[in-house]
C-alpha atoms as a PDB file:
ATOM      1  CA  MET A   1       0.000   0.000   0.000  1.00  0.00           C
ATOM      2  CA  GLY A   2       1.923   3.042  -1.271  1.00  0.00           C
ATOM      3  CA  LEU A   3       1.260   6.727  -0.775  1.00  0.00           C
ATOM      4  CA  ASP A   4      -1.226   8.177  -3.246  1.00  0.00           C
ATOM      5  CA  TYR A   5       0.357  11.539  -4.071  1.00  0.00           C
ATOM      6  CA  ARG A   6      -2.715  12.466  -6.121  1.00  0.00           C
ATOM      7  CA  ARG A   7      -4.565  13.073  -2.842  1.00  0.00           C
ATOM      8  CA  LEU A   8      -2.161  15.835  -1.804  1.00  0.00           C
ATOM      9  CA  SER A   9      -3.169  19.317  -2.829  1.00  0.00           C
ATOM     10  CA  ILE A  10      -0.945  21.435  -5.037  1.00  0.00           C
ATOM     11  CA  GLY A  11      -0.471  23.757  -2.049  1.00  0.00           C
ATOM     12  CA  ALA A  12       0.860  20.906   0.113  1.00  0.00           C
ATOM     13  CA  LEU A  13       3.287  19.816  -2.576  1.00  0.00           C
ATOM     14  CA  ASP A  14       4.443  23.421  -3.015  1.00  0.00           C
ATOM     15  CA  ARG A  15       5.030  23.789   0.736  1.00  0.00           C
ATOM     16  CA  ILE A  16       7.016  20.545   0.849  1.00  0.00           C
ATOM     17  CA  ARG A  17       9.137  21.668  -2.122  1.00  0.00           C
ATOM     18  CA  ASP A  18       9.663  25.166  -0.658  1.00  0.00           C
ATOM     19  CA  ALA A  19      10.640  23.748   2.736  1.00  0.00           C
ATOM     20  CA  ALA A  20      13.116  21.337   1.137  1.00  0.00           C
ATOM     21  CA  THR A  21      14.633  24.135  -0.969  1.00  0.00           C
ATOM     22  CA  LEU A  22      14.963  26.429   2.039  1.00  0.00           C
ATOM     23  CA  ALA A  23      16.445  23.648   4.166  1.00  0.00           C
ATOM     24  CA  GLN A  24      19.149  23.061   1.552  1.00  0.00           C
ATOM     25  CA  ARG A  25      20.169  26.737   1.607  1.00  0.00           C
ATOM     26  CA  LEU A  26      20.243  27.204   5.377  1.00  0.00           C
ATOM     27  CA  PRO A  27      23.250  26.167   7.451  1.00  0.00           C
ATOM     28  CA  LEU A  28      21.287  23.492   9.286  1.00  0.00           C
ATOM     29  CA  LYS A  29      22.081  19.906  10.014  1.00  0.00           C
ATOM     30  CA  ARG A  30      20.519  17.311   7.747  1.00  0.00           C
ATOM     31  CA  ILE A  31      16.809  16.786   8.160  1.00  0.00           C
ATOM     32  CA  GLY A  32      16.007  13.173   8.928  1.00  0.00           C
ATOM     33  CA  TRP A  33      13.151  11.034   7.707  1.00  0.00           C
ATOM     34  CA  HIS A  34      11.394  11.283  11.070  1.00  0.00           C
ATOM     35  CA  THR A  35      11.160  15.062  10.806  1.00  0.00           C
ATOM     36  CA  LEU A  36       9.720  14.673   7.317  1.00  0.00           C
ATOM     37  CA  ARG A  37       7.231  12.143   8.689  1.00  0.00           C
ATOM     38  CA  HIS A  38       5.984  14.696  11.244  1.00  0.00           C
ATOM     39  CA  THR A  39       5.785  17.317   8.492  1.00  0.00           C
ATOM     40  CA  PHE A  40       3.884  14.937   6.220  1.00  0.00           C
ATOM     41  CA  GLY A  41       1.241  14.254   8.891  1.00  0.00           C
ATOM     42  CA  THR A  42       0.903  17.916   9.780  1.00  0.00           C
ATOM     43  CA  LEU A  43       0.524  18.976   6.130  1.00  0.00           C
ATOM     44  CA  LEU A  44      -2.126  16.336   5.502  1.00  0.00           C
ATOM     45  CA  LYS A  45      -4.123  17.544   8.509  1.00  0.00           C
ATOM     46  CA  SER A  46      -3.677  21.226   7.623  1.00  0.00           C
ATOM     47  CA  ASN A  47      -4.989  20.467   4.117  1.00  0.00           C
ATOM     48  CA  GLY A  48      -8.231  19.329   5.697  1.00  0.00           C
ATOM     49  CA  GLU A  49      -7.742  15.566   5.517  1.00  0.00           C
ATOM     50  CA  ASP A  50      -9.806  13.750   8.100  1.00  0.00           C
ATOM     51  CA  VAL A  51      -8.046  12.120  11.041  1.00  0.00           C
ATOM     52  CA  ALA A  52      -8.806   8.577   9.862  1.00  0.00           C
ATOM     53  CA  THR A  53      -7.151   9.244   6.493  1.00  0.00           C
ATOM     54  CA  VAL A  54      -4.049  10.720   8.124  1.00  0.00           C
ATOM     55  CA  GLN A  55      -3.900   7.769  10.517  1.00  0.00           C
ATOM     56  CA  SER A  56      -4.172   5.325   7.629  1.00  0.00           C
ATOM     57  CA  LEU A  57      -1.542   7.049   5.461  1.00  0.00           C
ATOM     58  CA  MET A  58       0.858   7.178   8.404  1.00  0.00           C
ATOM     59  CA  ARG A  59       0.031   3.539   9.164  1.00  0.00           C
ATOM     60  CA  HIS A  60      -0.641   4.116  12.874  1.00  0.00           C
ATOM     61  CA  ALA A  61      -2.497   1.503  14.897  1.00  0.00           C
ATOM     62  CA  ASN A  62      -4.705   4.094  16.594  1.00  0.00           C
ATOM     63  CA  VAL A  63      -5.669   7.713  16.132  1.00  0.00           C
ATOM     64  CA  SER A  64      -4.176   8.914  19.434  1.00  0.00           C
ATOM     65  CA  VAL A  65      -0.644   8.229  18.151  1.00  0.00           C
ATOM     66  CA  THR A  66      -1.370  10.253  15.031  1.00  0.00           C
ATOM     67  CA  MET A  67      -2.864  13.248  16.803  1.00  0.00           C
ATOM     68  CA  ASP A  68      -0.799  13.289  20.005  1.00  0.00           C
ATOM     69  CA  ARG A  69       2.674  12.605  18.645  1.00  0.00           C
ATOM     70  CA  TYR A  70       2.776  13.455  14.968  1.00  0.00           C
ATOM     71  CA  VAL A  71       0.277  16.077  13.896  1.00  0.00           C
ATOM     72  CA  GLN A  72       0.857  19.612  15.148  1.00  0.00           C
ATOM     73  CA  ALA A  73      -1.867  22.234  15.345  1.00  0.00           C
ATOM     74  CA  VAL A  74      -1.707  24.646  12.417  1.00  0.00           C
ATOM     75  CA  THR A  75      -3.536  27.883  13.191  1.00  0.00           C
ATOM     76  CA  PRO A  76      -3.697  31.121  11.186  1.00  0.00           C
ATOM     77  CA  ALA A  77      -1.483  32.807  13.816  1.00  0.00           C
ATOM     78  CA  LYS A  78       1.149  30.064  13.478  1.00  0.00           C
ATOM     79  CA  ARG A  79       1.041  30.303   9.681  1.00  0.00           C
ATOM     80  CA  LYS A  80       1.554  34.077   9.835  1.00  0.00           C
ATOM     81  CA  ALA A  81       4.500  33.687  12.220  1.00  0.00           C
ATOM     82  CA  GLN A  82       6.088  31.076   9.955  1.00  0.00           C
ATOM     83  CA  ARG A  83       5.579  33.232   6.849  1.00  0.00           C
ATOM     84  CA  THR A  84       7.203  36.202   8.572  1.00  0.00           C
ATOM     85  CA  LEU A  85      10.193  34.100   9.618  1.00  0.00           C
ATOM     86  CA  ILE A  86      10.658  32.656   6.117  1.00  0.00           C
ATOM     87  CA  GLN A  87      10.488  36.157   4.629  1.00  0.00           C
ATOM     88  CA  GLN A  88      13.215  37.275   7.035  1.00  0.00           C
ATOM     89  CA  LEU A  89      15.396  34.290   6.135  1.00  0.00           C
ATOM     90  CA  THR A  90      14.859  34.632   2.374  1.00  0.00           C
ATOM     91  CA  PRO A  91      14.364  38.365   1.678  1.00  0.00           C
ATOM     92  CA  ASN A  92      15.425  38.158  -1.988  1.00  0.00           C
ATOM     93  CA  ASP A  93      13.100  35.247  -2.733  1.00  0.00           C
ATOM     94  CA  SER A  94      10.159  37.027  -1.082  1.00  0.00           C
ATOM     95  CA  LYS A  95      10.701  40.171  -3.175  1.00  0.00           C
ATOM     96  CA  SER A  96      11.057  38.251  -6.441  1.00  0.00           C
ATOM     97  CA  LYS A  97       7.908  36.211  -5.751  1.00  0.00           C
ATOM     98  CA  ALA A  98       5.980  39.401  -4.936  1.00  0.00           C
ATOM     99  CA  ALA A  99       7.203  41.038  -8.142  1.00  0.00           C
ATOM    100  CA  LYS A 100       6.244  37.970 -10.208  1.00  0.00           C
ATOM    101  CA  SER A 101       2.752  37.817  -8.729  1.00  0.00           C
ATOM    102  CA  ALA A 102       2.250  41.574  -9.232  1.00  0.00           C
ATOM    103  CA  SER A 103       3.221  41.368 -12.897  1.00  0.00           C
ATOM    104  CA  ALA A 104       1.021  38.318 -13.579  1.00  0.00           C
END
């Protein structure tokens, strides 16, 4: 039973790609598979997937493992804080993206 990537939204795939690109440019230690697993579960939940689907895709025996240990709450305030931090870390990218979207 493999992961069905067709169920992920374009926004989730974009966020995964952007996070991976940023991680490669920052002077951070390597990101392990377990961190990506947490991110995967959190992105599924933030995209509106129901808990049972997230549990199934993560192959957890029960829902409490999924919700208590893997999936973090994603609120509008947290998203805004993360966006602000990413803009501070990548000021050139933020300006070029804004210019591209303004000209489109």
